[in-house]
Amino acid sequence: MIKFIKNFRKDEDGAVTVDWVVLTAAVAALAAAAYGSIESGSSAVTAGTSTYMGTQIPT
Protein backbone atom coordinates (compact mmCIF):
# COMPACT_ATOMS: atom_id res chain seq x y z
CA MET A 1 0.00 0.00 0.00
CA ILE A 2 2.86 2.40 0.83
CA LYS A 3 4.43 1.69 -2.57
CA PHE A 4 1.12 2.53 -4.29
CA ILE A 5 0.89 5.87 -2.46
CA LYS A 6 4.48 6.77 -3.34
CA ASN A 7 3.92 5.94 -7.01
CA PHE A 8 0.68 7.89 -7.02
CA ARG A 9 2.47 10.99 -5.69
CA LYS A 10 5.18 10.72 -8.36
CA ASP A 11 2.74 10.21 -11.24
CA GLU A 12 2.35 13.48 -13.20
CA ASP A 13 0.01 12.34 -15.99
CA GLY A 14 -2.97 14.11 -14.45
CA ALA A 15 -1.03 17.37 -14.18
CA VAL A 16 -0.19 17.23 -17.88
CA THR A 17 -3.86 16.71 -18.69
CA VAL A 18 -4.83 19.74 -16.63
CA ASP A 19 -2.19 21.81 -18.41
CA TRP A 20 -3.59 20.82 -21.80
CA VAL A 21 -7.14 21.62 -20.75
CA VAL A 22 -6.11 25.08 -19.53
CA LEU A 23 -4.09 25.78 -22.68
CA THR A 24 -6.93 24.63 -24.93
CA ALA A 25 -9.40 26.84 -23.09
CA ALA A 26 -7.04 29.80 -23.46
CA VAL A 27 -6.68 29.21 -27.21
CA ALA A 28 -10.46 28.96 -27.59
CA ALA A 29 -10.95 32.21 -25.66
CA LEU A 30 -8.36 34.01 -27.80
CA ALA A 31 -10.02 32.71 -30.97
CA ALA A 32 -13.40 33.99 -29.77
CA ALA A 33 -11.93 37.40 -28.95
CA ALA A 34 -10.21 37.59 -32.34
CA TYR A 35 -13.44 36.61 -34.11
CA GLY A 36 -15.34 39.37 -32.31
CA SER A 37 -12.73 41.95 -33.22
CA ILE A 38 -12.58 40.91 -36.86
CA GLU A 39 -16.36 40.79 -37.14
CA SER A 40 -16.85 44.32 -35.79
CA GLY A 41 -14.04 45.69 -37.95
CA SER A 42 -15.36 44.11 -41.11
CA SER A 43 -18.87 45.35 -40.33
CA ALA A 44 -17.54 48.90 -40.08
CA VAL A 45 -15.69 48.58 -43.40
CA THR A 46 -18.79 47.14 -45.07
CA ALA A 47 -20.96 49.97 -43.76
CA GLY A 48 -18.46 52.56 -44.97
CA THR A 49 -18.28 50.96 -48.40
CA SER A 50 -22.06 50.83 -48.61
CA THR A 51 -22.33 54.51 -47.72
CA TYR A 52 -19.71 55.46 -50.31
CA MET A 53 -21.29 53.34 -53.04
CA GLY A 54 -24.69 54.85 -52.26
CA THR A 55 -23.42 58.36 -52.96
CA GLN A 56 -21.94 57.48 -56.36
CA ILE A 57 -23.84 58.26 -59.54
CA PRO A 58 -23.44 55.72 -62.31
CA THR A 59 -22.31 57.12 -65.62
PDB file of N, CA and C in Angstrom:
ATOM      1  N   MET A   1       0.827  -1.200   0.000  1.00  0.00           N
ATOM      2  CA  MET A   1       0.000   0.000   0.000  1.00  0.00           C
ATOM      3  C   MET A   1       0.871   1.264   0.000  1.00  0.00           C
ATOM      4  N   ILE A   2       1.954   1.248   0.762  1.00  0.00           N
ATOM      5  CA  ILE A   2       2.861   2.396   0.828  1.00  0.00           C
ATOM      6  C   ILE A   2       3.488   2.638  -0.549  1.00  0.00           C
ATOM      7  N   LYS A   3       3.838   1.556  -1.249  1.00  0.00           N
ATOM      8  CA  LYS A   3       4.427   1.691  -2.575  1.00  0.00           C
ATOM      9  C   LYS A   3       3.431   2.335  -3.541  1.00  0.00           C
ATOM     10  N   PHE A   4       2.163   1.949  -3.441  1.00  0.00           N
ATOM     11  CA  PHE A   4       1.124   2.529  -4.294  1.00  0.00           C
ATOM     12  C   PHE A   4       1.001   4.030  -4.044  1.00  0.00           C
ATOM     13  N   ILE A   5       1.027   4.440  -2.809  1.00  0.00           N
ATOM     14  CA  ILE A   5       0.893   5.867  -2.464  1.00  0.00           C
ATOM     15  C   ILE A   5       2.101   6.649  -2.979  1.00  0.00           C
ATOM     16  N   LYS A   6       3.284   6.095  -2.836  1.00  0.00           N
ATOM     17  CA  LYS A   6       4.484   6.773  -3.337  1.00  0.00           C
ATOM     18  C   LYS A   6       4.443   6.906  -4.855  1.00  0.00           C
ATOM     19  N   ASN A   7       4.022   5.875  -5.549  1.00  0.00           N
ATOM     20  CA  ASN A   7       3.919   5.939  -7.011  1.00  0.00           C
ATOM     21  C   ASN A   7       2.842   6.929  -7.437  1.00  0.00           C
ATOM     22  N   PHE A   8       1.762   6.960  -6.699  1.00  0.00           N
ATOM     23  CA  PHE A   8       0.677   7.892  -7.018  1.00  0.00           C
ATOM     24  C   PHE A   8       1.145   9.341  -6.889  1.00  0.00           C
ATOM     25  N   ARG A   9       1.942   9.635  -5.881  1.00  0.00           N
ATOM     26  CA  ARG A   9       2.473  10.990  -5.687  1.00  0.00           C
ATOM     27  C   ARG A   9       3.443  11.383  -6.797  1.00  0.00           C
ATOM     28  N   LYS A  10       4.193  10.429  -7.315  1.00  0.00           N
ATOM     29  CA  LYS A  10       5.178  10.717  -8.357  1.00  0.00           C
ATOM     30  C   LYS A  10       4.551  10.844  -9.743  1.00  0.00           C
ATOM     31  N   ASP A  11       3.392  10.226  -9.925  1.00  0.00           N
ATOM     32  CA  ASP A  11       2.745  10.214 -11.238  1.00  0.00           C
ATOM     33  C   ASP A  11       2.268  11.617 -11.596  1.00  0.00           C
ATOM     34  N   GLU A  12       2.696  12.114 -12.774  1.00  0.00           N
ATOM     35  CA  GLU A  12       2.354  13.477 -13.198  1.00  0.00           C
ATOM     36  C   GLU A  12       1.447  13.498 -14.419  1.00  0.00           C
ATOM     37  N   ASP A  13       0.877  12.380 -14.816  1.00  0.00           N
ATOM     38  CA  ASP A  13       0.012  12.337 -15.990  1.00  0.00           C
ATOM     39  C   ASP A  13      -1.211  13.231 -15.837  1.00  0.00           C
ATOM     40  N   GLY A  14      -1.804  13.257 -14.679  1.00  0.00           N
ATOM     41  CA  GLY A  14      -2.969  14.111 -14.448  1.00  0.00           C
ATOM     42  C   GLY A  14      -2.625  15.583 -14.562  1.00  0.00           C
ATOM     43  N   ALA A  15      -1.450  15.971 -14.100  1.00  0.00           N
ATOM     44  CA  ALA A  15      -1.030  17.366 -14.178  1.00  0.00           C
ATOM     45  C   ALA A  15      -0.859  17.797 -15.632  1.00  0.00           C
ATOM     46  N   VAL A  16      -0.365  16.916 -16.453  1.00  0.00           N
ATOM     47  CA  VAL A  16      -0.194  17.228 -17.877  1.00  0.00           C
ATOM     48  C   VAL A  16      -1.561  17.423 -18.527  1.00  0.00           C
ATOM     49  N   THR A  17      -2.516  16.591 -18.152  1.00  0.00           N
ATOM     50  CA  THR A  17      -3.862  16.714 -18.694  1.00  0.00           C
ATOM     51  C   THR A  17      -4.478  18.051 -18.309  1.00  0.00           C
ATOM     52  N   VAL A  18      -4.310  18.447 -17.077  1.00  0.00           N
ATOM     53  CA  VAL A  18      -4.835  19.735 -16.626  1.00  0.00           C
ATOM     54  C   VAL A  18      -4.175  20.872 -17.396  1.00  0.00           C
ATOM     55  N   ASP A  19      -2.885  20.785 -17.625  1.00  0.00           N
ATOM     56  CA  ASP A  19      -2.185  21.812 -18.409  1.00  0.00           C
ATOM     57  C   ASP A  19      -2.784  21.927 -19.807  1.00  0.00           C
ATOM     58  N   TRP A  20      -3.028  20.792 -20.453  1.00  0.00           N
ATOM     59  CA  TRP A  20      -3.587  20.817 -21.802  1.00  0.00           C
ATOM     60  C   TRP A  20      -4.992  21.389 -21.826  1.00  0.00           C
ATOM     61  N   VAL A  21      -5.775  21.080 -20.814  1.00  0.00           N
ATOM     62  CA  VAL A  21      -7.142  21.620 -20.747  1.00  0.00           C
ATOM     63  C   VAL A  21      -7.095  23.133 -20.595  1.00  0.00           C
ATOM     64  N   VAL A  22      -6.228  23.633 -19.743  1.00  0.00           N
ATOM     65  CA  VAL A  22      -6.109  25.075 -19.533  1.00  0.00           C
ATOM     66  C   VAL A  22      -5.606  25.760 -20.807  1.00  0.00           C
ATOM     67  N   LEU A  23      -4.610  25.191 -21.452  1.00  0.00           N
ATOM     68  CA  LEU A  23      -4.089  25.780 -22.685  1.00  0.00           C
ATOM     69  C   LEU A  23      -5.134  25.771 -23.800  1.00  0.00           C
ATOM     70  N   THR A  24      -5.888  24.705 -23.910  1.00  0.00           N
ATOM     71  CA  THR A  24      -6.930  24.628 -24.932  1.00  0.00           C
ATOM     72  C   THR A  24      -8.024  25.655 -24.675  1.00  0.00           C
ATOM     73  N   ALA A  25      -8.397  25.832 -23.430  1.00  0.00           N
ATOM     74  CA  ALA A  25      -9.399  26.840 -23.088  1.00  0.00           C
ATOM     75  C   ALA A  25      -8.886  28.244 -23.407  1.00  0.00           C
ATOM     76  N   ALA A  26      -7.621  28.498 -23.153  1.00  0.00           N
ATOM     77  CA  ALA A  26      -7.043  29.804 -23.461  1.00  0.00           C
ATOM     78  C   ALA A  26      -7.031  30.061 -24.968  1.00  0.00           C
ATOM     79  N   VAL A  27      -6.688  29.064 -25.744  1.00  0.00           N
ATOM     80  CA  VAL A  27      -6.682  29.210 -27.209  1.00  0.00           C
ATOM     81  C   VAL A  27      -8.094  29.464 -27.722  1.00  0.00           C
ATOM     82  N   ALA A  28      -9.068  28.754 -27.170  1.00  0.00           N
ATOM     83  CA  ALA A  28     -10.460  28.957 -27.590  1.00  0.00           C
ATOM     84  C   ALA A  28     -10.940  30.361 -27.235  1.00  0.00           C
ATOM     85  N   ALA A  29     -10.557  30.864 -26.065  1.00  0.00           N
ATOM     86  CA  ALA A  29     -10.947  32.215 -25.659  1.00  0.00           C
ATOM     87  C   ALA A  29     -10.295  33.264 -26.564  1.00  0.00           C
ATOM     88  N   LEU A  30      -9.041  33.070 -26.901  1.00  0.00           N
ATOM     89  CA  LEU A  30      -8.363  34.007 -27.801  1.00  0.00           C
ATOM     90  C   LEU A  30      -8.987  33.984 -29.194  1.00  0.00           C
ATOM     91  N   ALA A  31      -9.374  32.811 -29.662  1.00  0.00           N
ATOM     92  CA  ALA A  31     -10.019  32.712 -30.967  1.00  0.00           C
ATOM     93  C   ALA A  31     -11.362  33.437 -30.960  1.00  0.00           C
ATOM     94  N   ALA A  32     -12.113  33.302 -29.877  1.00  0.00           N
ATOM     95  CA  ALA A  32     -13.402  33.990 -29.769  1.00  0.00           C
ATOM     96  C   ALA A  32     -13.208  35.504 -29.735  1.00  0.00           C
ATOM     97  N   ALA A  33     -12.205  35.966 -29.020  1.00  0.00           N
ATOM     98  CA  ALA A  33     -11.927  37.399 -28.954  1.00  0.00           C
ATOM     99  C   ALA A  33     -11.489  37.931 -30.322  1.00  0.00           C
ATOM    100  N   ALA A  34     -10.659  37.176 -31.008  1.00  0.00           N
ATOM    101  CA  ALA A  34     -10.213  37.594 -32.339  1.00  0.00           C
ATOM    102  C   ALA A  34     -11.386  37.624 -33.305  1.00  0.00           C
ATOM    103  N   TYR A  35     -12.262  36.641 -33.235  1.00  0.00           N
ATOM    104  CA  TYR A  35     -13.438  36.613 -34.109  1.00  0.00           C
ATOM    105  C   TYR A  35     -14.313  37.837 -33.880  1.00  0.00           C
ATOM    106  N   GLY A  36     -14.534  38.192 -32.626  1.00  0.00           N
ATOM    107  CA  GLY A  36     -15.341  39.374 -32.311  1.00  0.00           C
ATOM    108  C   GLY A  36     -14.726  40.644 -32.854  1.00  0.00           C
ATOM    109  N   SER A  37     -13.426  40.763 -32.722  1.00  0.00           N
ATOM    110  CA  SER A  37     -12.733  41.949 -33.218  1.00  0.00           C
ATOM    111  C   SER A  37     -12.787  42.030 -34.742  1.00  0.00           C
ATOM    112  N   ILE A  38     -12.552  40.920 -35.400  1.00  0.00           N
ATOM    113  CA  ILE A  38     -12.576  40.905 -36.860  1.00  0.00           C
ATOM    114  C   ILE A  38     -13.984  41.168 -37.370  1.00  0.00           C
ATOM    115  N   GLU A  39     -14.981  40.597 -36.700  1.00  0.00           N
ATOM    116  CA  GLU A  39     -16.363  40.787 -37.140  1.00  0.00           C
ATOM    117  C   GLU A  39     -16.779  42.252 -37.041  1.00  0.00           C
ATOM    118  N   SER A  40     -16.462  42.911 -35.930  1.00  0.00           N
ATOM    119  CA  SER A  40     -16.854  44.320 -35.786  1.00  0.00           C
ATOM    120  C   SER A  40     -16.082  45.209 -36.760  1.00  0.00           C
ATOM    121  N   GLY A  41     -14.826  44.907 -36.994  1.00  0.00           N
ATOM    122  CA  GLY A  41     -14.037  45.688 -37.949  1.00  0.00           C
ATOM    123  C   GLY A  41     -14.540  45.535 -39.367  1.00  0.00           C
ATOM    124  N   SER A  42     -14.865  44.311 -39.747  1.00  0.00           N
ATOM    125  CA  SER A  42     -15.355  44.109 -41.109  1.00  0.00           C
ATOM    126  C   SER A  42     -16.746  44.701 -41.293  1.00  0.00           C
ATOM    127  N   SER A  43     -17.551  44.717 -40.242  1.00  0.00           N
ATOM    128  CA  SER A  43     -18.872  45.347 -40.333  1.00  0.00           C
ATOM    129  C   SER A  43     -18.737  46.851 -40.566  1.00  0.00           C
ATOM    130  N   ALA A  44     -17.761  47.466 -39.892  1.00  0.00           N
ATOM    131  CA  ALA A  44     -17.538  48.895 -40.079  1.00  0.00           C
ATOM    132  C   ALA A  44     -17.065  49.196 -41.501  1.00  0.00           C
ATOM    133  N   VAL A  45     -16.182  48.381 -42.031  1.00  0.00           N
ATOM    134  CA  VAL A  45     -15.695  48.584 -43.401  1.00  0.00           C
ATOM    135  C   VAL A  45     -16.831  48.392 -44.401  1.00  0.00           C
ATOM    136  N   THR A  46     -17.656  47.389 -44.187  1.00  0.00           N
ATOM    137  CA  THR A  46     -18.790  47.140 -45.072  1.00  0.00           C
ATOM    138  C   THR A  46     -19.773  48.301 -45.048  1.00  0.00           C
ATOM    139  N   ALA A  47     -20.044  48.831 -43.865  1.00  0.00           N
ATOM    140  CA  ALA A  47     -20.962  49.969 -43.756  1.00  0.00           C
ATOM    141  C   ALA A  47     -20.383  51.196 -44.462  1.00  0.00           C
ATOM    142  N   GLY A  48     -19.097  51.435 -44.298  1.00  0.00           N
ATOM    143  CA  GLY A  48     -18.459  52.561 -44.967  1.00  0.00           C
ATOM    144  C   GLY A  48     -18.485  52.419 -46.483  1.00  0.00           C
ATOM    145  N   THR A  49     -18.239  51.216 -46.965  1.00  0.00           N
ATOM    146  CA  THR A  49     -18.277  50.956 -48.397  1.00  0.00           C
ATOM    147  C   THR A  49     -19.691  51.148 -48.943  1.00  0.00           C
ATOM    148  N   SER A  50     -20.669  50.680 -48.195  1.00  0.00           N
ATOM    149  CA  SER A  50     -22.064  50.826 -48.613  1.00  0.00           C
ATOM    150  C   SER A  50     -22.456  52.301 -48.698  1.00  0.00           C
ATOM    151  N   THR A  51     -22.036  53.081 -47.719  1.00  0.00           N
ATOM    152  CA  THR A  51     -22.331  54.511 -47.722  1.00  0.00           C
ATOM    153  C   THR A  51     -21.674  55.186 -48.927  1.00  0.00           C
ATOM    154  N   TYR A  52     -20.425  54.866 -49.187  1.00  0.00           N
ATOM    155  CA  TYR A  52     -19.713  55.458 -50.312  1.00  0.00           C
ATOM    156  C   TYR A  52     -20.360  55.074 -51.637  1.00  0.00           C
ATOM    157  N   MET A  53     -20.684  53.787 -51.783  1.00  0.00           N
ATOM    158  CA  MET A  53     -21.289  53.341 -53.037  1.00  0.00           C
ATOM    159  C   MET A  53     -22.674  53.957 -53.236  1.00  0.00           C
ATOM    160  N   GLY A  54     -23.369  54.237 -52.158  1.00  0.00           N
ATOM    161  CA  GLY A  54     -24.691  54.848 -52.256  1.00  0.00           C
ATOM    162  C   GLY A  54     -24.653  56.269 -52.728  1.00  0.00           C
ATOM    163  N   THR A  55     -23.543  56.959 -52.544  1.00  0.00           N
ATOM    164  CA  THR A  55     -23.424  58.363 -52.959  1.00  0.00           C
ATOM    165  C   THR A  55     -22.918  58.509 -54.396  1.00  0.00           C
ATOM    166  N   GLN A  56     -22.498  57.414 -55.014  1.00  0.00           N
ATOM    167  CA  GLN A  56     -21.944  57.477 -56.365  1.00  0.00           C
ATOM    168  C   GLN A  56     -23.058  57.448 -57.396  1.00  0.00           C
ATOM    169  N   ILE A  57     -22.863  58.213 -58.440  1.00  0.00           N
ATOM    170  CA  ILE A  57     -23.836  58.261 -59.540  1.00  0.00           C
ATOM    171  C   ILE A  57     -23.258  57.496 -60.714  1.00  0.00           C
ATOM    172  N   PRO A  58     -23.966  56.480 -61.173  1.00  0.00           N
ATOM    173  CA  PRO A  58     -23.438  55.716 -62.308  1.00  0.00           C
ATOM    174  C   PRO A  58     -23.415  56.561 -63.591  1.00  0.00           C
ATOM    175  N   THR A  59     -22.393  56.378 -64.347  1.00  0.00           N
ATOM    176  CA  THR A  59     -22.308  57.122 -65.615  1.00  0.00           C
ATOM    177  C   THR A  59     -22.349  56.217 -66.801  1.00  0.00           C
TER     178      THR A  59
END
